[in-house]
PDB file of all heavy atoms in Angstrom:
ATOM      1  N   VAL A   1      13.077  20.772 -14.797  1.00  0.00           N
ATOM      2  CA  VAL A   1      13.189  21.011 -13.351  1.00  0.00           C
ATOM      3  C   VAL A   1      11.933  20.418 -12.704  1.00  0.00           C
ATOM      4  O   VAL A   1      10.965  21.117 -12.429  1.00  0.00           O
ATOM      5  CB  VAL A   1      13.320  22.525 -13.038  1.00  0.00           C
ATOM      6  CG1 VAL A   1      13.516  22.756 -11.546  1.00  0.00           C
ATOM      7  CG2 VAL A   1      14.460  23.150 -13.838  1.00  0.00           C
ATOM      8  N   PRO A   2      11.947  19.104 -12.476  1.00  0.00           N
ATOM      9  CA  PRO A   2      10.739  18.448 -11.949  1.00  0.00           C
ATOM     10  C   PRO A   2      10.426  18.868 -10.515  1.00  0.00           C
ATOM     11  O   PRO A   2      11.304  19.305  -9.772  1.00  0.00           O
ATOM     12  CB  PRO A   2      11.080  16.956 -11.995  1.00  0.00           C
ATOM     13  CG  PRO A   2      12.445  16.831 -12.546  1.00  0.00           C
ATOM     14  CD  PRO A   2      13.040  18.182 -12.715  1.00  0.00           C
ATOM     15  N   GLU A   3       9.179  18.712 -10.165  1.00  0.00           N
ATOM     16  CA  GLU A   3       8.750  19.003  -8.796  1.00  0.00           C
ATOM     17  C   GLU A   3       9.452  18.061  -7.828  1.00  0.00           C
ATOM     18  O   GLU A   3       9.560  16.861  -8.072  1.00  0.00           O
ATOM     19  CB  GLU A   3       7.235  18.836  -8.687  1.00  0.00           C
ATOM     20  CG  GLU A   3       6.686  19.239  -7.346  1.00  0.00           C
ATOM     21  CD  GLU A   3       5.167  19.177  -7.291  1.00  0.00           C
ATOM     22  OE1 GLU A   3       4.525  18.822  -8.304  1.00  0.00           O
ATOM     23  OE2 GLU A   3       4.629  19.483  -6.221  1.00  0.00           O
ATOM     24  N   ALA A   4       9.948  18.611  -6.727  1.00  0.00           N
ATOM     25  CA  ALA A   4      10.586  17.792  -5.689  1.00  0.00           C
ATOM     26  C   ALA A   4       9.540  16.856  -5.090  1.00  0.00           C
ATOM     27  O   ALA A   4       8.445  17.289  -4.730  1.00  0.00           O
ATOM     28  CB  ALA A   4      11.189  18.679  -4.608  1.00  0.00           C
ATOM     29  N   ASP A   5       9.883  15.606  -4.988  1.00  0.00           N
ATOM     30  CA  ASP A   5       8.982  14.610  -4.408  1.00  0.00           C
ATOM     31  C   ASP A   5       9.166  14.621  -2.889  1.00  0.00           C
ATOM     32  O   ASP A   5       9.765  13.717  -2.301  1.00  0.00           O
ATOM     33  CB  ASP A   5       9.287  13.230  -4.999  1.00  0.00           C
ATOM     34  CG  ASP A   5       8.250  12.195  -4.635  1.00  0.00           C
ATOM     35  OD1 ASP A   5       7.377  12.466  -3.778  1.00  0.00           O
ATOM     36  OD2 ASP A   5       8.323  11.078  -5.201  1.00  0.00           O
ATOM     37  N   LEU A   6       8.670  15.684  -2.264  1.00  0.00           N
ATOM     38  CA  LEU A   6       8.911  15.884  -0.837  1.00  0.00           C
ATOM     39  C   LEU A   6       8.411  14.740   0.038  1.00  0.00           C
ATOM     40  O   LEU A   6       9.125  14.329   0.958  1.00  0.00           O
ATOM     41  CB  LEU A   6       8.335  17.228  -0.390  1.00  0.00           C
ATOM     42  CG  LEU A   6       9.012  18.454  -1.012  1.00  0.00           C
ATOM     43  CD1 LEU A   6       8.341  19.739  -0.534  1.00  0.00           C
ATOM     44  CD2 LEU A   6      10.501  18.484  -0.736  1.00  0.00           C
ATOM     45  N   PRO A   7       7.235  14.179  -0.192  1.00  0.00           N
ATOM     46  CA  PRO A   7       6.817  13.052   0.656  1.00  0.00           C
ATOM     47  C   PRO A   7       7.827  11.897   0.640  1.00  0.00           C
ATOM     48  O   PRO A   7       8.109  11.303   1.677  1.00  0.00           O
ATOM     49  CB  PRO A   7       5.469  12.628   0.059  1.00  0.00           C
ATOM     50  CG  PRO A   7       4.935  13.870  -0.569  1.00  0.00           C
ATOM     51  CD  PRO A   7       6.156  14.581  -1.109  1.00  0.00           C
ATOM     52  N   ARG A   8       8.400  11.604  -0.531  1.00  0.00           N
ATOM     53  CA  ARG A   8       9.410  10.536  -0.591  1.00  0.00           C
ATOM     54  C   ARG A   8      10.693  10.962   0.101  1.00  0.00           C
ATOM     55  O   ARG A   8      11.322  10.166   0.787  1.00  0.00           O
ATOM     56  CB  ARG A   8       9.688  10.140  -2.042  1.00  0.00           C
ATOM     57  CG  ARG A   8       8.559   9.282  -2.596  1.00  0.00           C
ATOM     58  CD  ARG A   8       8.875   8.642  -3.912  1.00  0.00           C
ATOM     59  NE  ARG A   8      10.004   7.726  -3.828  1.00  0.00           N
ATOM     60  CZ  ARG A   8      10.760   7.419  -4.882  1.00  0.00           C
ATOM     61  NH1 ARG A   8      10.524   7.940  -6.062  1.00  0.00           N
ATOM     62  NH2 ARG A   8      11.762   6.578  -4.751  1.00  0.00           N
ATOM     63  N   PHE A   9      11.104  12.232  -0.084  1.00  0.00           N
ATOM     64  CA  PHE A   9      12.322  12.694   0.592  1.00  0.00           C
ATOM     65  C   PHE A   9      12.171  12.595   2.105  1.00  0.00           C
ATOM     66  O   PHE A   9      13.106  12.221   2.806  1.00  0.00           O
ATOM     67  CB  PHE A   9      12.684  14.122   0.181  1.00  0.00           C
ATOM     68  CG  PHE A   9      13.423  14.206  -1.125  1.00  0.00           C
ATOM     69  CD1 PHE A   9      12.825  14.786  -2.235  1.00  0.00           C
ATOM     70  CD2 PHE A   9      14.713  13.700  -1.247  1.00  0.00           C
ATOM     71  CE1 PHE A   9      13.504  14.863  -3.443  1.00  0.00           C
ATOM     72  CE2 PHE A   9      15.397  13.767  -2.453  1.00  0.00           C
ATOM     73  CZ  PHE A   9      14.792  14.351  -3.553  1.00  0.00           C
ATOM     74  N   TYR A  10      10.993  12.932   2.612  1.00  0.00           N
ATOM     75  CA  TYR A  10      10.774  12.882   4.060  1.00  0.00           C
ATOM     76  C   TYR A  10      10.863  11.462   4.615  1.00  0.00           C
ATOM     77  O   TYR A  10      11.079  11.270   5.800  1.00  0.00           O
ATOM     78  CB  TYR A  10       9.418  13.483   4.426  1.00  0.00           C
ATOM     79  CG  TYR A  10       9.265  14.957   4.101  1.00  0.00           C
ATOM     80  CD1 TYR A  10       8.008  15.484   3.850  1.00  0.00           C
ATOM     81  CD2 TYR A  10      10.346  15.816   4.050  1.00  0.00           C
ATOM     82  CE1 TYR A  10       7.839  16.833   3.560  1.00  0.00           C
ATOM     83  CE2 TYR A  10      10.192  17.148   3.763  1.00  0.00           C
ATOM     84  CZ  TYR A  10       8.935  17.661   3.511  1.00  0.00           C
ATOM     85  OH  TYR A  10       8.781  18.992   3.226  1.00  0.00           O
ATOM     86  N   GLN A  11      10.696  10.465   3.757  1.00  0.00           N
ATOM     87  CA  GLN A  11      10.731   9.065   4.186  1.00  0.00           C
ATOM     88  C   GLN A  11      12.116   8.431   4.091  1.00  0.00           C
ATOM     89  O   GLN A  11      12.290   7.289   4.519  1.00  0.00           O
ATOM     90  CB  GLN A  11       9.765   8.233   3.342  1.00  0.00           C
ATOM     91  CG  GLN A  11       8.318   8.603   3.539  1.00  0.00           C
ATOM     92  CD  GLN A  11       7.415   7.851   2.577  1.00  0.00           C
ATOM     93  OE1 GLN A  11       7.857   7.058   1.760  1.00  0.00           O
ATOM     94  NE2 GLN A  11       6.124   8.114   2.677  1.00  0.00           N
ATOM     95  N   MET A  12      13.084   9.147   3.558  1.00  0.00           N
ATOM     96  CA  MET A  12      14.407   8.549   3.361  1.00  0.00           C
ATOM     97  C   MET A  12      15.047   8.204   4.706  1.00  0.00           C
ATOM     98  O   MET A  12      15.010   8.990   5.645  1.00  0.00           O
ATOM     99  CB  MET A  12      15.328   9.494   2.577  1.00  0.00           C
ATOM    100  CG  MET A  12      14.908   9.744   1.138  1.00  0.00           C
ATOM    101  SD  MET A  12      14.924   8.261   0.083  1.00  0.00           S
ATOM    102  CE  MET A  12      13.220   7.767   0.096  1.00  0.00           C
ATOM    103  N   ALA A  13      15.631   7.011   4.771  1.00  0.00           N
ATOM    104  CA  ALA A  13      16.199   6.502   6.018  1.00  0.00           C
ATOM    105  C   ALA A  13      17.639   6.965   6.238  1.00  0.00           C
ATOM    106  O   ALA A  13      18.158   6.838   7.342  1.00  0.00           O
ATOM    107  CB  ALA A  13      16.145   4.980   6.022  1.00  0.00           C
ATOM    108  N   SER A  14      18.282   7.492   5.189  1.00  0.00           N
ATOM    109  CA  SER A  14      19.667   7.930   5.325  1.00  0.00           C
ATOM    110  C   SER A  14      19.935   9.069   4.346  1.00  0.00           C
ATOM    111  O   SER A  14      19.191   9.258   3.373  1.00  0.00           O
ATOM    112  CB  SER A  14      20.626   6.776   5.038  1.00  0.00           C
ATOM    113  OG  SER A  14      20.590   6.447   3.659  1.00  0.00           O
ATOM    114  N   TRP A  15      21.030   9.779   4.604  1.00  0.00           N
ATOM    115  CA  TRP A  15      21.417  10.872   3.694  1.00  0.00           C
ATOM    116  C   TRP A  15      21.842  10.285   2.353  1.00  0.00           C
ATOM    117  O   TRP A  15      21.599  10.885   1.306  1.00  0.00           O
ATOM    118  CB  TRP A  15      22.516  11.724   4.326  1.00  0.00           C
ATOM    119  CG  TRP A  15      22.756  12.991   3.577  1.00  0.00           C
ATOM    120  CD1 TRP A  15      23.910  13.365   2.966  1.00  0.00           C
ATOM    121  CD2 TRP A  15      21.827  14.056   3.338  1.00  0.00           C
ATOM    122  NE1 TRP A  15      23.759  14.593   2.362  1.00  0.00           N
ATOM    123  CE2 TRP A  15      22.478  15.036   2.574  1.00  0.00           C
ATOM    124  CE3 TRP A  15      20.490  14.268   3.682  1.00  0.00           C
ATOM    125  CZ2 TRP A  15      21.867  16.215   2.151  1.00  0.00           C
ATOM    126  CZ3 TRP A  15      19.873  15.446   3.262  1.00  0.00           C
ATOM    127  CH2 TRP A  15      20.563  16.400   2.511  1.00  0.00           C
ATOM    128  N   GLN A  16      22.447   9.119   2.354  1.00  0.00           N
ATOM    129  CA  GLN A  16      22.823   8.446   1.100  1.00  0.00           C
ATOM    130  C   GLN A  16      21.571   8.150   0.262  1.00  0.00           C
ATOM    131  O   GLN A  16      21.562   8.365  -0.942  1.00  0.00           O
ATOM    132  CB  GLN A  16      23.600   7.153   1.374  1.00  0.00           C
ATOM    133  CG  GLN A  16      23.998   6.401   0.111  1.00  0.00           C
ATOM    134  CD  GLN A  16      24.861   7.210  -0.834  1.00  0.00           C
ATOM    135  OE1 GLN A  16      25.720   7.973  -0.408  1.00  0.00           O
ATOM    136  NE2 GLN A  16      24.620   7.077  -2.129  1.00  0.00           N
ATOM    137  N   ALA A  17      20.517   7.676   0.902  1.00  0.00           N
ATOM    138  CA  ALA A  17      19.263   7.415   0.185  1.00  0.00           C
ATOM    139  C   ALA A  17      18.680   8.722  -0.355  1.00  0.00           C
ATOM    140  O   ALA A  17      18.129   8.748  -1.464  1.00  0.00           O
ATOM    141  CB  ALA A  17      18.265   6.718   1.107  1.00  0.00           C
ATOM    142  N   THR A  18      18.813   9.793   0.399  1.00  0.00           N
ATOM    143  CA  THR A  18      18.352  11.107  -0.058  1.00  0.00           C
ATOM    144  C   THR A  18      19.121  11.520  -1.312  1.00  0.00           C
ATOM    145  O   THR A  18      18.535  12.009  -2.285  1.00  0.00           O
ATOM    146  CB  THR A  18      18.513  12.152   1.060  1.00  0.00           C
ATOM    147  OG1 THR A  18      17.700  11.759   2.168  1.00  0.00           O
ATOM    148  CG2 THR A  18      18.115  13.535   0.606  1.00  0.00           C
ATOM    149  N   HIS A  19      20.439  11.326  -1.305  1.00  0.00           N
ATOM    150  CA  HIS A  19      21.258  11.633  -2.486  1.00  0.00           C
ATOM    151  C   HIS A  19      20.811  10.829  -3.701  1.00  0.00           C
ATOM    152  O   HIS A  19      20.698  11.373  -4.807  1.00  0.00           O
ATOM    153  CB  HIS A  19      22.739  11.336  -2.201  1.00  0.00           C
ATOM    154  CG  HIS A  19      23.489  12.493  -1.649  1.00  0.00           C
ATOM    155  ND1 HIS A  19      24.052  13.461  -2.434  1.00  0.00           N
ATOM    156  CD2 HIS A  19      23.774  12.837  -0.376  1.00  0.00           C
ATOM    157  CE1 HIS A  19      24.660  14.352  -1.678  1.00  0.00           C
ATOM    158  NE2 HIS A  19      24.495  13.998  -0.418  1.00  0.00           N
ATOM    159  N   GLU A  20      20.560   9.562  -3.491  1.00  0.00           N
ATOM    160  CA  GLU A  20      20.150   8.693  -4.595  1.00  0.00           C
ATOM    161  C   GLU A  20      18.809   9.142  -5.177  1.00  0.00           C
ATOM    162  O   GLU A  20      18.643   9.183  -6.406  1.00  0.00           O
ATOM    163  CB  GLU A  20      20.100   7.240  -4.134  1.00  0.00           C
ATOM    164  CG  GLU A  20      21.485   6.683  -3.838  1.00  0.00           C
ATOM    165  CD  GLU A  20      21.475   5.356  -3.096  1.00  0.00           C
ATOM    166  OE1 GLU A  20      20.383   4.769  -2.889  1.00  0.00           O
ATOM    167  OE2 GLU A  20      22.578   4.907  -2.707  1.00  0.00           O
ATOM    168  N   LEU A  21      17.871   9.502  -4.316  1.00  0.00           N
ATOM    169  CA  LEU A  21      16.581   9.989  -4.806  1.00  0.00           C
ATOM    170  C   LEU A  21      16.748  11.336  -5.507  1.00  0.00           C
ATOM    171  O   LEU A  21      16.117  11.582  -6.538  1.00  0.00           O
ATOM    172  CB  LEU A  21      15.575  10.100  -3.659  1.00  0.00           C
ATOM    173  CG  LEU A  21      14.181  10.604  -4.042  1.00  0.00           C
ATOM    174  CD1 LEU A  21      13.545   9.748  -5.141  1.00  0.00           C
ATOM    175  CD2 LEU A  21      13.282  10.651  -2.807  1.00  0.00           C
ATOM    176  N   ALA A  22      17.610  12.203  -4.990  1.00  0.00           N
ATOM    177  CA  ALA A  22      17.834  13.506  -5.624  1.00  0.00           C
ATOM    178  C   ALA A  22      18.398  13.344  -7.034  1.00  0.00           C
ATOM    179  O   ALA A  22      18.029  14.089  -7.946  1.00  0.00           O
ATOM    180  CB  ALA A  22      18.757  14.370  -4.772  1.00  0.00           C
ATOM    181  N   GLU A  23      19.272  12.373  -7.227  1.00  0.00           N
ATOM    182  CA  GLU A  23      19.816  12.137  -8.569  1.00  0.00           C
ATOM    183  C   GLU A  23      18.727  11.725  -9.548  1.00  0.00           C
ATOM    184  O   GLU A  23      18.766  12.092 -10.720  1.00  0.00           O
ATOM    185  CB  GLU A  23      20.916  11.076  -8.515  1.00  0.00           C
ATOM    186  CG  GLU A  23      22.197  11.599  -7.889  1.00  0.00           C
ATOM    187  CD  GLU A  23      23.304  10.553  -7.849  1.00  0.00           C
ATOM    188  OE1 GLU A  23      23.226   9.560  -8.621  1.00  0.00           O
ATOM    189  OE2 GLU A  23      24.232  10.728  -7.052  1.00  0.00           O
ATOM    190  N   ILE A  24      17.742  10.987  -9.054  1.00  0.00           N
ATOM    191  CA  ILE A  24      16.619  10.575  -9.892  1.00  0.00           C
ATOM    192  C   ILE A  24      15.662  11.745 -10.091  1.00  0.00           C
ATOM    193  O   ILE A  24      15.220  12.021 -11.209  1.00  0.00           O
ATOM    194  CB  ILE A  24      15.873   9.377  -9.258  1.00  0.00           C
ATOM    195  CG1 ILE A  24      16.779   8.150  -9.224  1.00  0.00           C
ATOM    196  CG2 ILE A  24      14.565   9.083  -9.989  1.00  0.00           C
ATOM    197  CD1 ILE A  24      16.278   7.036  -8.318  1.00  0.00           C
ATOM    198  N   ASN A  25      15.332  12.448  -9.011  1.00  0.00           N
ATOM    199  CA  ASN A  25      14.338  13.525  -9.029  1.00  0.00           C
ATOM    200  C   ASN A  25      14.843  14.760  -9.780  1.00  0.00           C
ATOM    201  O   ASN A  25      14.046  15.516 -10.320  1.00  0.00           O
ATOM    202  CB  ASN A  25      13.946  13.896  -7.607  1.00  0.00           C
ATOM    203  CG  ASN A  25      12.631  14.652  -7.490  1.00  0.00           C
ATOM    204  OD1 ASN A  25      12.077  14.709  -6.407  1.00  0.00           O
ATOM    205  ND2 ASN A  25      12.103  15.237  -8.555  1.00  0.00           N
ATOM    206  N   ALA A  26      16.159  14.973  -9.801  1.00  0.00           N
ATOM    207  CA  ALA A  26      16.730  16.174 -10.424  1.00  0.00           C
ATOM    208  C   ALA A  26      17.741  15.769 -11.498  1.00  0.00           C
ATOM    209  O   ALA A  26      18.945  15.921 -11.311  1.00  0.00           O
ATOM    210  CB  ALA A  26      17.385  17.042  -9.358  1.00  0.00           C
ATOM    211  N   PRO A  27      17.275  15.252 -12.637  1.00  0.00           N
ATOM    212  CA  PRO A  27      18.205  14.739 -13.643  1.00  0.00           C
ATOM    213  C   PRO A  27      19.176  15.789 -14.191  1.00  0.00           C
ATOM    214  O   PRO A  27      20.238  15.447 -14.688  1.00  0.00           O
ATOM    215  CB  PRO A  27      17.290  14.183 -14.740  1.00  0.00           C
ATOM    216  CG  PRO A  27      15.974  14.850 -14.527  1.00  0.00           C
ATOM    217  CD  PRO A  27      15.883  15.150 -13.065  1.00  0.00           C
ATOM    218  N   HIS A  28      18.818  17.065 -14.075  1.00  0.00           N
ATOM    219  CA  HIS A  28      19.698  18.149 -14.539  1.00  0.00           C
ATOM    220  C   HIS A  28      20.202  18.989 -13.375  1.00  0.00           C
ATOM    221  O   HIS A  28      20.646  20.128 -13.563  1.00  0.00           O
ATOM    222  CB  HIS A  28      18.978  19.008 -15.573  1.00  0.00           C
ATOM    223  CG  HIS A  28      18.497  18.218 -16.749  1.00  0.00           C
ATOM    224  ND1 HIS A  28      19.352  17.691 -17.694  1.00  0.00           N
ATOM    225  CD2 HIS A  28      17.255  17.819 -17.099  1.00  0.00           C
ATOM    226  CE1 HIS A  28      18.659  17.015 -18.588  1.00  0.00           C
ATOM    227  NE2 HIS A  28      17.387  17.078 -18.250  1.00  0.00           N
ATOM    228  N   GLY A  29      20.110  18.442 -12.164  1.00  0.00           N
ATOM    229  CA  GLY A  29      20.673  19.115 -11.001  1.00  0.00           C
ATOM    230  C   GLY A  29      19.681  19.866 -10.147  1.00  0.00           C
ATOM    231  O   GLY A  29      19.917  20.073  -8.966  1.00  0.00           O
ATOM    232  N   PHE A  30      18.573  20.313 -10.727  1.00  0.00           N
ATOM    233  CA  PHE A  30      17.602  21.129  -9.998  1.00  0.00           C
ATOM    234  C   PHE A  30      16.245  20.440  -9.929  1.00  0.00           C
ATOM    235  O   PHE A  30      15.860  19.708 -10.829  1.00  0.00           O
ATOM    236  CB  PHE A  30      17.393  22.487 -10.687  1.00  0.00           C
ATOM    237  CG  PHE A  30      18.580  23.387 -10.683  1.00  0.00           C
ATOM    238  CD1 PHE A  30      19.138  23.834 -11.874  1.00  0.00           C
ATOM    239  CD2 PHE A  30      19.148  23.822  -9.491  1.00  0.00           C
ATOM    240  CE1 PHE A  30      20.221  24.695 -11.878  1.00  0.00           C
ATOM    241  CE2 PHE A  30      20.239  24.684  -9.484  1.00  0.00           C
ATOM    242  CZ  PHE A  30      20.788  25.116 -10.687  1.00  0.00           C
ATOM    243  N   MET A  31      15.531  20.750  -8.849  1.00  0.00           N
ATOM    244  CA  MET A  31      14.127  20.368  -8.731  1.00  0.00           C
ATOM    245  C   MET A  31      13.341  21.580  -8.222  1.00  0.00           C
ATOM    246  O   MET A  31      13.922  22.507  -7.664  1.00  0.00           O
ATOM    247  CB  MET A  31      13.949  19.138  -7.848  1.00  0.00           C
ATOM    248  CG  MET A  31      14.495  19.247  -6.454  1.00  0.00           C
ATOM    249  SD  MET A  31      14.534  17.636  -5.613  1.00  0.00           S
ATOM    250  CE  MET A  31      16.299  17.325  -5.607  1.00  0.00           C
ATOM    251  N   ARG A  32      12.030  21.549  -8.436  1.00  0.00           N
ATOM    252  CA  ARG A  32      11.167  22.663  -8.021  1.00  0.00           C
ATOM    253  C   ARG A  32      10.592  22.398  -6.634  1.00  0.00           C
ATOM    254  O   ARG A  32      10.008  21.357  -6.384  1.00  0.00           O
ATOM    255  CB  ARG A  32       9.975  22.811  -8.986  1.00  0.00           C
ATOM    256  CG  ARG A  32      10.329  23.395 -10.305  1.00  0.00           C
ATOM    257  CD  ARG A  32       9.104  23.532 -11.220  1.00  0.00           C
ATOM    258  NE  ARG A  32       8.729  22.231 -11.776  1.00  0.00           N
ATOM    259  CZ  ARG A  32       7.550  21.662 -11.614  1.00  0.00           C
ATOM    260  NH1 ARG A  32       6.585  22.248 -10.946  1.00  0.00           N
ATOM    261  NH2 ARG A  32       7.292  20.483 -12.155  1.00  0.00           N
ATOM    262  N   TYR A  33      10.736  23.404  -5.767  1.00  0.00           N
ATOM    263  CA  TYR A  33      10.167  23.325  -4.428  1.00  0.00           C
ATOM    264  C   TYR A  33       8.882  24.141  -4.310  1.00  0.00           C
ATOM    265  O   TYR A  33       8.093  23.919  -3.396  1.00  0.00           O
ATOM    266  CB  TYR A  33      11.180  23.820  -3.390  1.00  0.00           C
ATOM    267  CG  TYR A  33      12.375  22.911  -3.295  1.00  0.00           C
ATOM    268  CD1 TYR A  33      13.512  23.149  -4.055  1.00  0.00           C
ATOM    269  CD2 TYR A  33      12.357  21.794  -2.468  1.00  0.00           C
ATOM    270  CE1 TYR A  33      14.599  22.306  -3.981  1.00  0.00           C
ATOM    271  CE2 TYR A  33      13.446  20.939  -2.398  1.00  0.00           C
ATOM    272  CZ  TYR A  33      14.569  21.209  -3.156  1.00  0.00           C
ATOM    273  OH  TYR A  33      15.647  20.368  -3.097  1.00  0.00           O
ATOM    274  N   HIS A  34       8.703  25.094  -5.227  1.00  0.00           N
ATOM    275  CA  HIS A  34       7.513  25.938  -5.174  1.00  0.00           C
ATOM    276  C   HIS A  34       7.286  26.555  -6.547  1.00  0.00           C
ATOM    277  O   HIS A  34       8.234  26.860  -7.268  1.00  0.00           O
ATOM    278  CB  HIS A  34       7.694  27.043  -4.132  1.00  0.00           C
ATOM    279  CG  HIS A  34       6.533  27.969  -4.024  1.00  0.00           C
ATOM    280  ND1 HIS A  34       5.354  27.594  -3.419  1.00  0.00           N
ATOM    281  CD2 HIS A  34       6.356  29.231  -4.448  1.00  0.00           C
ATOM    282  CE1 HIS A  34       4.504  28.616  -3.473  1.00  0.00           C
ATOM    283  NE2 HIS A  34       5.097  29.618  -4.102  1.00  0.00           N
TER     284      HIS A  34
END
């Protein structure tokens, strides 16, 4: 459950790009926010 890369998420230009980054950031579905 890797740490969410919030600075990169905040820079995403579209929801599709956010989805693509989430698939990379959360290889098992979850990421850590805190």
